[in-house]
Amino acid sequence: MNGDGAADICGRGTMGIVCSISEAKGTRTVRFSDYWWVNNFGDNYGWGGSLAYWGTVQPVPLPRPGFPSAAFCGRGTAGIWCSPIVPFATL
């Protein structure tokens, strides 16, 4: 998610998309920091109503050298919905 090549973990919860960013720096020990990434895929926006909706939410990496960023898209009740682009530097 932040473009450093380490494995990060994201998931959709009741409040939206939450990611844990790997802080591995060439060691065998990996620490993760929790970051609130996107809140418009939470249950408050209707995404928890059906697997047909929340099961489609996927990250969309947007490679820009020096500016790691991502968005999330999924199939909602009115078509395809995408989050705003979230630059990692703002987290």
PDB file of N, CA and C in Angstrom:
ATOM      1  N   MET A   1       0.806  -1.202   0.000  1.00  0.00           N
ATOM      2  CA  MET A   1       0.000   0.000   0.000  1.00  0.00           C
ATOM      3  C   MET A   1       0.846   1.262   0.000  1.00  0.00           C
ATOM      4  N   ASN A   2       2.001   1.219   0.653  1.00  0.00           N
ATOM      5  CA  ASN A   2       2.811   2.436   0.711  1.00  0.00           C
ATOM      6  C   ASN A   2       3.991   2.413  -0.259  1.00  0.00           C
ATOM      7  N   GLY A   3       4.066   1.392  -1.094  1.00  0.00           N
ATOM      8  CA  GLY A   3       5.058   1.366  -2.154  1.00  0.00           C
ATOM      9  C   GLY A   3       6.455   0.927  -1.761  1.00  0.00           C
ATOM     10  N   ASP A   4       6.642   0.404  -0.531  1.00  0.00           N
ATOM     11  CA  ASP A   4       7.987   0.009  -0.130  1.00  0.00           C
ATOM     12  C   ASP A   4       8.300  -1.452  -0.449  1.00  0.00           C
ATOM     13  N   GLY A   5       7.357  -2.184  -1.038  1.00  0.00           N
ATOM     14  CA  GLY A   5       7.583  -3.573  -1.411  1.00  0.00           C
ATOM     15  C   GLY A   5       7.307  -4.577  -0.312  1.00  0.00           C
ATOM     16  N   ALA A   6       7.077  -4.135   0.916  1.00  0.00           N
ATOM     17  CA  ALA A   6       6.762  -5.040   2.029  1.00  0.00           C
ATOM     18  C   ALA A   6       5.271  -5.358   2.002  1.00  0.00           C
ATOM     19  N   ALA A   7       4.902  -6.516   2.526  1.00  0.00           N
ATOM     20  CA  ALA A   7       3.508  -6.961   2.523  1.00  0.00           C
ATOM     21  C   ALA A   7       2.699  -6.196   3.568  1.00  0.00           C
ATOM     22  N   ASP A   8       1.696  -5.475   3.113  1.00  0.00           N
ATOM     23  CA  ASP A   8       0.780  -4.757   3.987  1.00  0.00           C
ATOM     24  C   ASP A   8      -0.550  -5.513   4.002  1.00  0.00           C
ATOM     25  N   ILE A   9      -1.360  -5.279   5.008  1.00  0.00           N
ATOM     26  CA  ILE A   9      -2.628  -6.000   5.168  1.00  0.00           C
ATOM     27  C   ILE A   9      -3.762  -4.991   5.259  1.00  0.00           C
ATOM     28  N   CYS A  10      -4.824  -5.200   4.462  1.00  0.00           N
ATOM     29  CA  CYS A  10      -6.002  -4.329   4.510  1.00  0.00           C
ATOM     30  C   CYS A  10      -7.256  -5.194   4.626  1.00  0.00           C
ATOM     31  N   GLY A  11      -8.264  -4.633   5.237  1.00  0.00           N
ATOM     32  CA  GLY A  11      -9.540  -5.331   5.332  1.00  0.00           C
ATOM     33  C   GLY A  11     -10.674  -4.342   5.498  1.00  0.00           C
ATOM     34  N   ARG A  12     -11.878  -4.769   5.124  1.00  0.00           N
ATOM     35  CA  ARG A  12     -13.053  -3.927   5.274  1.00  0.00           C
ATOM     36  C   ARG A  12     -13.759  -4.306   6.553  1.00  0.00           C
ATOM     37  N   GLY A  13     -13.971  -3.332   7.409  1.00  0.00           N
ATOM     38  CA  GLY A  13     -14.682  -3.548   8.657  1.00  0.00           C
ATOM     39  C   GLY A  13     -15.933  -2.700   8.704  1.00  0.00           C
ATOM     40  N   THR A  14     -16.584  -2.671   9.832  1.00  0.00           N
ATOM     41  CA  THR A  14     -17.831  -1.931   9.959  1.00  0.00           C
ATOM     42  C   THR A  14     -17.648  -0.431   9.764  1.00  0.00           C
ATOM     43  N   MET A  15     -16.445   0.095  10.036  1.00  0.00           N
ATOM     44  CA  MET A  15     -16.197   1.527   9.908  1.00  0.00           C
ATOM     45  C   MET A  15     -15.521   1.906   8.594  1.00  0.00           C
ATOM     46  N   GLY A  16     -15.142   0.944   7.777  1.00  0.00           N
ATOM     47  CA  GLY A  16     -14.486   1.234   6.501  1.00  0.00           C
ATOM     48  C   GLY A  16     -13.277   0.347   6.274  1.00  0.00           C
ATOM     49  N   ILE A  17     -12.363   0.812   5.436  1.00  0.00           N
ATOM     50  CA  ILE A  17     -11.142   0.071   5.123  1.00  0.00           C
ATOM     51  C   ILE A  17     -10.057   0.462   6.110  1.00  0.00           C
ATOM     52  N   VAL A  18      -9.448  -0.547   6.724  1.00  0.00           N
ATOM     53  CA  VAL A  18      -8.342  -0.328   7.651  1.00  0.00           C
ATOM     54  C   VAL A  18      -7.156  -1.124   7.125  1.00  0.00           C
ATOM     55  N   CYS A  19      -6.000  -0.502   7.095  1.00  0.00           N
ATOM     56  CA  CYS A  19      -4.784  -1.177   6.648  1.00  0.00           C
ATOM     57  C   CYS A  19      -3.753  -1.181   7.763  1.00  0.00           C
ATOM     58  N   SER A  20      -2.977  -2.244   7.809  1.00  0.00           N
ATOM     59  CA  SER A  20      -1.802  -2.304   8.664  1.00  0.00           C
ATOM     60  C   SER A  20      -0.600  -2.281   7.744  1.00  0.00           C
ATOM     61  N   ILE A  21       0.246  -1.305   7.933  1.00  0.00           N
ATOM     62  CA  ILE A  21       1.408  -1.097   7.083  1.00  0.00           C
ATOM     63  C   ILE A  21       2.617  -1.759   7.730  1.00  0.00           C
ATOM     64  N   SER A  22       3.272  -2.639   6.975  1.00  0.00           N
ATOM     65  CA  SER A  22       4.445  -3.333   7.474  1.00  0.00           C
ATOM     66  C   SER A  22       5.573  -2.347   7.720  1.00  0.00           C
ATOM     67  N   GLU A  23       6.229  -2.512   8.850  1.00  0.00           N
ATOM     68  CA  GLU A  23       7.370  -1.666   9.186  1.00  0.00           C
ATOM     69  C   GLU A  23       8.675  -2.451   9.098  1.00  0.00           C
ATOM     70  N   ALA A  24       8.677  -3.517   8.300  1.00  0.00           N
ATOM     71  CA  ALA A  24       9.872  -4.353   8.164  1.00  0.00           C
ATOM     72  C   ALA A  24      10.971  -3.569   7.459  1.00  0.00           C
ATOM     73  N   LYS A  25      12.128  -3.576   8.046  1.00  0.00           N
ATOM     74  CA  LYS A  25      13.275  -2.886   7.465  1.00  0.00           C
ATOM     75  C   LYS A  25      14.461  -3.842   7.385  1.00  0.00           C
ATOM     76  N   GLY A  26      14.349  -4.893   6.576  1.00  0.00           N
ATOM     77  CA  GLY A  26      15.447  -5.826   6.396  1.00  0.00           C
ATOM     78  C   GLY A  26      15.655  -6.784   7.547  1.00  0.00           C
ATOM     79  N   THR A  27      14.647  -7.011   8.370  1.00  0.00           N
ATOM     80  CA  THR A  27      14.765  -7.952   9.482  1.00  0.00           C
ATOM     81  C   THR A  27      13.737  -9.054   9.313  1.00  0.00           C
ATOM     82  N   ARG A  28      13.835 -10.067  10.145  1.00  0.00           N
ATOM     83  CA  ARG A  28      12.842 -11.135  10.132  1.00  0.00           C
ATOM     84  C   ARG A  28      11.626 -10.785  10.984  1.00  0.00           C
ATOM     85  N   THR A  29      11.740  -9.752  11.786  1.00  0.00           N
ATOM     86  CA  THR A  29      10.638  -9.308  12.619  1.00  0.00           C
ATOM     87  C   THR A  29       9.841  -8.263  11.853  1.00  0.00           C
ATOM     88  N   VAL A  30       8.543  -8.478  11.761  1.00  0.00           N
ATOM     89  CA  VAL A  30       7.684  -7.531  11.054  1.00  0.00           C
ATOM     90  C   VAL A  30       6.712  -6.932  12.050  1.00  0.00           C
ATOM     91  N   ARG A  31       6.699  -5.619  12.136  1.00  0.00           N
ATOM     92  CA  ARG A  31       5.725  -4.917  12.963  1.00  0.00           C
ATOM     93  C   ARG A  31       4.725  -4.258  12.032  1.00  0.00           C
ATOM     94  N   PHE A  32       3.505  -4.129  12.489  1.00  0.00           N
ATOM     95  CA  PHE A  32       2.478  -3.478  11.692  1.00  0.00           C
ATOM     96  C   PHE A  32       1.912  -2.304  12.461  1.00  0.00           C
ATOM     97  N   SER A  33       1.693  -1.209  11.755  1.00  0.00           N
ATOM     98  CA  SER A  33       1.046  -0.033  12.325  1.00  0.00           C
ATOM     99  C   SER A  33      -0.341   0.075  11.718  1.00  0.00           C
ATOM    100  N   ASP A  34      -1.354   0.285  12.556  1.00  0.00           N
ATOM    101  CA  ASP A  34      -2.723   0.425  12.059  1.00  0.00           C
ATOM    102  C   ASP A  34      -2.956   1.831  11.530  1.00  0.00           C
ATOM    103  N   TYR A  35      -3.560   1.893  10.384  1.00  0.00           N
ATOM    104  CA  TYR A  35      -3.937   3.165   9.783  1.00  0.00           C
ATOM    105  C   TYR A  35      -5.371   3.071   9.311  1.00  0.00           C
ATOM    106  N   TRP A  36      -6.154   4.092   9.572  1.00  0.00           N
ATOM    107  CA  TRP A  36      -7.494   4.206   9.024  1.00  0.00           C
ATOM    108  C   TRP A  36      -7.298   4.682   7.607  1.00  0.00           C
ATOM    109  N   TRP A  37      -7.746   3.933   6.644  1.00  0.00           N
ATOM    110  CA  TRP A  37      -7.443   4.283   5.266  1.00  0.00           C
ATOM    111  C   TRP A  37      -8.620   4.980   4.593  1.00  0.00           C
ATOM    112  N   VAL A  38      -9.771   4.337   4.539  1.00  0.00           N
ATOM    113  CA  VAL A  38     -10.930   4.884   3.819  1.00  0.00           C
ATOM    114  C   VAL A  38     -12.189   4.590   4.619  1.00  0.00           C
ATOM    115  N   ASN A  39     -13.018   5.596   4.871  1.00  0.00           N
ATOM    116  CA  ASN A  39     -14.224   5.338   5.659  1.00  0.00           C
ATOM    117  C   ASN A  39     -15.486   5.203   4.828  1.00  0.00           C
ATOM    118  N   ASN A  40     -15.443   5.425   3.508  1.00  0.00           N
ATOM    119  CA  ASN A  40     -16.681   5.354   2.737  1.00  0.00           C
ATOM    120  C   ASN A  40     -17.055   3.941   2.281  1.00  0.00           C
ATOM    121  N   PHE A  41     -16.405   2.913   2.776  1.00  0.00           N
ATOM    122  CA  PHE A  41     -16.822   1.532   2.519  1.00  0.00           C
ATOM    123  C   PHE A  41     -17.299   0.848   3.796  1.00  0.00           C
ATOM    124  N   GLY A  42     -17.690   1.625   4.792  1.00  0.00           N
ATOM    125  CA  GLY A  42     -18.179   1.085   6.051  1.00  0.00           C
ATOM    126  C   GLY A  42     -19.653   0.719   5.984  1.00  0.00           C
ATOM    127  N   ASP A  43     -20.121   0.075   7.026  1.00  0.00           N
ATOM    128  CA  ASP A  43     -21.538  -0.308   7.103  1.00  0.00           C
ATOM    129  C   ASP A  43     -22.446   0.914   7.089  1.00  0.00           C
ATOM    130  N   ASN A  44     -21.949   2.058   7.572  1.00  0.00           N
ATOM    131  CA  ASN A  44     -22.751   3.282   7.573  1.00  0.00           C
ATOM    132  C   ASN A  44     -23.067   3.759   6.151  1.00  0.00           C
ATOM    133  N   TYR A  45     -22.353   3.238   5.155  1.00  0.00           N
ATOM    134  CA  TYR A  45     -22.631   3.535   3.756  1.00  0.00           C
ATOM    135  C   TYR A  45     -23.324   2.363   3.056  1.00  0.00           C
ATOM    136  N   GLY A  46     -23.747   1.359   3.822  1.00  0.00           N
ATOM    137  CA  GLY A  46     -24.499   0.240   3.265  1.00  0.00           C
ATOM    138  C   GLY A  46     -23.680  -0.921   2.744  1.00  0.00           C
ATOM    139  N   TRP A  47     -22.375  -0.903   2.954  1.00  0.00           N
ATOM    140  CA  TRP A  47     -21.531  -1.966   2.415  1.00  0.00           C
ATOM    141  C   TRP A  47     -21.611  -3.266   3.200  1.00  0.00           C
ATOM    142  N   GLY A  48     -22.153  -3.247   4.405  1.00  0.00           N
ATOM    143  CA  GLY A  48     -22.231  -4.467   5.199  1.00  0.00           C
ATOM    144  C   GLY A  48     -23.478  -5.283   4.949  1.00  0.00           C
ATOM    145  N   GLY A  49     -24.365  -4.816   4.077  1.00  0.00           N
ATOM    146  CA  GLY A  49     -25.650  -5.474   3.859  1.00  0.00           C
ATOM    147  C   GLY A  49     -25.590  -6.807   3.148  1.00  0.00           C
ATOM    148  N   SER A  50     -24.584  -7.008   2.300  1.00  0.00           N
ATOM    149  CA  SER A  50     -24.553  -8.230   1.498  1.00  0.00           C
ATOM    150  C   SER A  50     -23.137  -8.518   1.016  1.00  0.00           C
ATOM    151  N   LEU A  51     -22.789  -9.797   0.991  1.00  0.00           N
ATOM    152  CA  LEU A  51     -21.513 -10.226   0.437  1.00  0.00           C
ATOM    153  C   LEU A  51     -21.391  -9.781  -1.018  1.00  0.00           C
ATOM    154  N   ALA A  52     -22.514  -9.677  -1.709  1.00  0.00           N
ATOM    155  CA  ALA A  52     -22.501  -9.243  -3.108  1.00  0.00           C
ATOM    156  C   ALA A  52     -21.918  -7.837  -3.245  1.00  0.00           C
ATOM    157  N   TYR A  53     -21.915  -7.051  -2.166  1.00  0.00           N
ATOM    158  CA  TYR A  53     -21.345  -5.707  -2.198  1.00  0.00           C
ATOM    159  C   TYR A  53     -19.981  -5.681  -1.525  1.00  0.00           C
ATOM    160  N   TRP A  54     -19.916  -5.982  -0.220  1.00  0.00           N
ATOM    161  CA  TRP A  54     -18.633  -5.855   0.471  1.00  0.00           C
ATOM    162  C   TRP A  54     -17.599  -6.840  -0.038  1.00  0.00           C
ATOM    163  N   GLY A  55     -18.039  -7.952  -0.618  1.00  0.00           N
ATOM    164  CA  GLY A  55     -17.100  -8.939  -1.160  1.00  0.00           C
ATOM    165  C   GLY A  55     -16.401  -8.484  -2.426  1.00  0.00           C
ATOM    166  N   THR A  56     -16.863  -7.383  -3.015  1.00  0.00           N
ATOM    167  CA  THR A  56     -16.259  -6.903  -4.260  1.00  0.00           C
ATOM    168  C   THR A  56     -15.244  -5.783  -4.053  1.00  0.00           C
ATOM    169  N   VAL A  57     -15.110  -5.277  -2.845  1.00  0.00           N
ATOM    170  CA  VAL A  57     -14.206  -4.148  -2.596  1.00  0.00           C
ATOM    171  C   VAL A  57     -12.759  -4.608  -2.760  1.00  0.00           C
ATOM    172  N   GLN A  58     -12.022  -3.913  -3.615  1.00  0.00           N
ATOM    173  CA  GLN A  58     -10.638  -4.269  -3.921  1.00  0.00           C
ATOM    174  C   GLN A  58      -9.763  -3.016  -3.924  1.00  0.00           C
ATOM    175  N   PRO A  59      -8.484  -3.169  -3.560  1.00  0.00           N
ATOM    176  CA  PRO A  59      -7.573  -2.017  -3.664  1.00  0.00           C
ATOM    177  C   PRO A  59      -7.201  -1.767  -5.122  1.00  0.00           C
ATOM    178  N   VAL A  60      -6.974  -0.527  -5.439  1.00  0.00           N
ATOM    179  CA  VAL A  60      -6.526  -0.127  -6.770  1.00  0.00           C
ATOM    180  C   VAL A  60      -5.244   0.667  -6.571  1.00  0.00           C
ATOM    181  N   PRO A  61      -4.072   0.001  -6.719  1.00  0.00           N
ATOM    182  CA  PRO A  61      -2.822   0.733  -6.517  1.00  0.00           C
ATOM    183  C   PRO A  61      -2.617   1.756  -7.630  1.00  0.00           C
ATOM    184  N   LEU A  62      -2.138   2.895  -7.254  1.00  0.00           N
ATOM    185  CA  LEU A  62      -1.893   3.977  -8.206  1.00  0.00           C
ATOM    186  C   LEU A  62      -0.422   4.347  -8.135  1.00  0.00           C
ATOM    187  N   PRO A  63       0.407   3.672  -8.905  1.00  0.00           N
ATOM    188  CA  PRO A  63       1.852   3.921  -8.796  1.00  0.00           C
ATOM    189  C   PRO A  63       2.228   5.303  -9.309  1.00  0.00           C
ATOM    190  N   ARG A  64       2.819   6.067  -8.416  1.00  0.00           N
ATOM    191  CA  ARG A  64       3.381   7.375  -8.765  1.00  0.00           C
ATOM    192  C   ARG A  64       4.715   7.451  -8.046  1.00  0.00           C
ATOM    193  N   PRO A  65       5.808   7.493  -8.760  1.00  0.00           N
ATOM    194  CA  PRO A  65       7.126   7.500  -8.115  1.00  0.00           C
ATOM    195  C   PRO A  65       7.238   8.591  -7.046  1.00  0.00           C
ATOM    196  N   GLY A  66       7.622   8.148  -5.856  1.00  0.00           N
ATOM    197  CA  GLY A  66       7.806   9.067  -4.749  1.00  0.00           C
ATOM    198  C   GLY A  66       6.535   9.464  -4.023  1.00  0.00           C
ATOM    199  N   PHE A  67       5.364   9.054  -4.526  1.00  0.00           N
ATOM    200  CA  PHE A  67       4.088   9.407  -3.911  1.00  0.00           C
ATOM    201  C   PHE A  67       3.176   8.189  -3.864  1.00  0.00           C
ATOM    202  N   PRO A  68       3.476   7.198  -3.019  1.00  0.00           N
ATOM    203  CA  PRO A  68       2.611   6.019  -2.951  1.00  0.00           C
ATOM    204  C   PRO A  68       1.182   6.414  -2.588  1.00  0.00           C
ATOM    205  N   SER A  69       0.233   5.848  -3.286  1.00  0.00           N
ATOM    206  CA  SER A  69      -1.166   6.151  -3.014  1.00  0.00           C
ATOM    207  C   SER A  69      -2.017   4.986  -3.480  1.00  0.00           C
ATOM    208  N   ALA A  70      -3.262   4.959  -3.044  1.00  0.00           N
ATOM    209  CA  ALA A  70      -4.173   3.893  -3.434  1.00  0.00           C
ATOM    210  C   ALA A  70      -5.594   4.391  -3.340  1.00  0.00           C
ATOM    211  N   ALA A  71      -6.471   3.664  -3.975  1.00  0.00           N
ATOM    212  CA  ALA A  71      -7.906   3.890  -3.861  1.00  0.00           C
ATOM    213  C   ALA A  71      -8.538   2.504  -3.721  1.00  0.00           C
ATOM    214  N   PHE A  72      -9.793   2.461  -3.350  1.00  0.00           N
ATOM    215  CA  PHE A  72     -10.524   1.206  -3.275  1.00  0.00           C
ATOM    216  C   PHE A  72     -11.785   1.344  -4.115  1.00  0.00           C
ATOM    217  N   CYS A  73     -12.160   0.270  -4.806  1.00  0.00           N
ATOM    218  CA  CYS A  73     -13.370   0.267  -5.621  1.00  0.00           C
ATOM    219  C   CYS A  73     -14.166  -0.993  -5.322  1.00  0.00           C
ATOM    220  N   GLY A  74     -15.476  -0.914  -5.488  1.00  0.00           N
ATOM    221  CA  GLY A  74     -16.352  -2.061  -5.288  1.00  0.00           C
ATOM    222  C   GLY A  74     -17.690  -1.836  -5.972  1.00  0.00           C
ATOM    223  N   ARG A  75     -18.450  -2.932  -6.123  1.00  0.00           N
ATOM    224  CA  ARG A  75     -19.760  -2.857  -6.752  1.00  0.00           C
ATOM    225  C   ARG A  75     -20.802  -2.589  -5.687  1.00  0.00           C
ATOM    226  N   GLY A  76     -21.442  -1.433  -5.769  1.00  0.00           N
ATOM    227  CA  GLY A  76     -22.477  -1.050  -4.819  1.00  0.00           C
ATOM    228  C   GLY A  76     -23.860  -1.130  -5.443  1.00  0.00           C
ATOM    229  N   THR A  77     -24.851  -0.652  -4.725  1.00  0.00           N
ATOM    230  CA  THR A  77     -26.241  -0.717  -5.198  1.00  0.00           C
ATOM    231  C   THR A  77     -26.475   0.110  -6.452  1.00  0.00           C
ATOM    232  N   ALA A  78     -25.697   1.163  -6.660  1.00  0.00           N
ATOM    233  CA  ALA A  78     -25.898   2.039  -7.817  1.00  0.00           C
ATOM    234  C   ALA A  78     -24.769   1.925  -8.836  1.00  0.00           C
ATOM    235  N   GLY A  79     -23.991   0.849  -8.772  1.00  0.00           N
ATOM    236  CA  GLY A  79     -22.896   0.662  -9.721  1.00  0.00           C
ATOM    237  C   GLY A  79     -21.553   0.582  -9.035  1.00  0.00           C
ATOM    238  N   ILE A  80     -20.500   0.880  -9.775  1.00  0.00           N
ATOM    239  CA  ILE A  80     -19.139   0.818  -9.241  1.00  0.00           C
ATOM    240  C   ILE A  80     -18.839   2.097  -8.467  1.00  0.00           C
ATOM    241  N   TRP A  81     -18.357   1.914  -7.254  1.00  0.00           N
ATOM    242  CA  TRP A  81     -17.991   3.038  -6.388  1.00  0.00           C
ATOM    243  C   TRP A  81     -16.496   2.972  -6.124  1.00  0.00           C
ATOM    244  N   CYS A  82     -15.849   4.112  -6.123  1.00  0.00           N
ATOM    245  CA  CYS A  82     -14.424   4.179  -5.793  1.00  0.00           C
ATOM    246  C   CYS A  82     -14.198   5.240  -4.730  1.00  0.00           C
ATOM    247  N   SER A  83     -13.239   4.972  -3.873  1.00  0.00           N
ATOM    248  CA  SER A  83     -12.869   5.942  -2.844  1.00  0.00           C
ATOM    249  C   SER A  83     -12.041   7.042  -3.477  1.00  0.00           C
ATOM    250  N   PRO A  84     -11.882   8.133  -2.759  1.00  0.00           N
ATOM    251  CA  PRO A  84     -10.909   9.129  -3.219  1.00  0.00           C
ATOM    252  C   PRO A  84      -9.509   8.534  -3.169  1.00  0.00           C
ATOM    253  N   ILE A  85      -8.607   9.080  -3.938  1.00  0.00           N
ATOM    254  CA  ILE A  85      -7.206   8.662  -3.884  1.00  0.00           C
ATOM    255  C   ILE A  85      -6.632   9.122  -2.556  1.00  0.00           C
ATOM    256  N   VAL A  86      -6.000   8.185  -1.845  1.00  0.00           N
ATOM    257  CA  VAL A  86      -5.451   8.495  -0.520  1.00  0.00           C
ATOM    258  C   VAL A  86      -3.937   8.404  -0.576  1.00  0.00           C
ATOM    259  N   PRO A  87      -3.239   9.540  -0.553  1.00  0.00           N
ATOM    260  CA  PRO A  87      -1.781   9.476  -0.511  1.00  0.00           C
ATOM    261  C   PRO A  87      -1.302   8.958   0.825  1.00  0.00           C
ATOM    262  N   PHE A  88      -0.351   8.060   0.828  1.00  0.00           N
ATOM    263  CA  PHE A  88       0.142   7.476   2.065  1.00  0.00           C
ATOM    264  C   PHE A  88       0.718   8.531   2.976  1.00  0.00           C
ATOM    265  N   ALA A  89       1.266   9.590   2.435  1.00  0.00           N
ATOM    266  CA  ALA A  89       1.911  10.616   3.248  1.00  0.00           C
ATOM    267  C   ALA A  89       0.917  11.304   4.193  1.00  0.00           C
ATOM    268  N   THR A  90      -0.382  11.236   3.913  1.00  0.00           N
ATOM    269  CA  THR A  90      -1.361  11.907   4.771  1.00  0.00           C
ATOM    270  C   THR A  90      -1.808  11.032   5.924  1.00  0.00           C
ATOM    271  N   LEU A  91      -1.379   9.806   5.986  1.00  0.00           N
ATOM    272  CA  LEU A  91      -1.850   8.905   7.050  1.00  0.00           C
ATOM    273  C   LEU A  91      -1.101   9.129   8.324  1.00  0.00           C
TER     274      LEU A  91
END
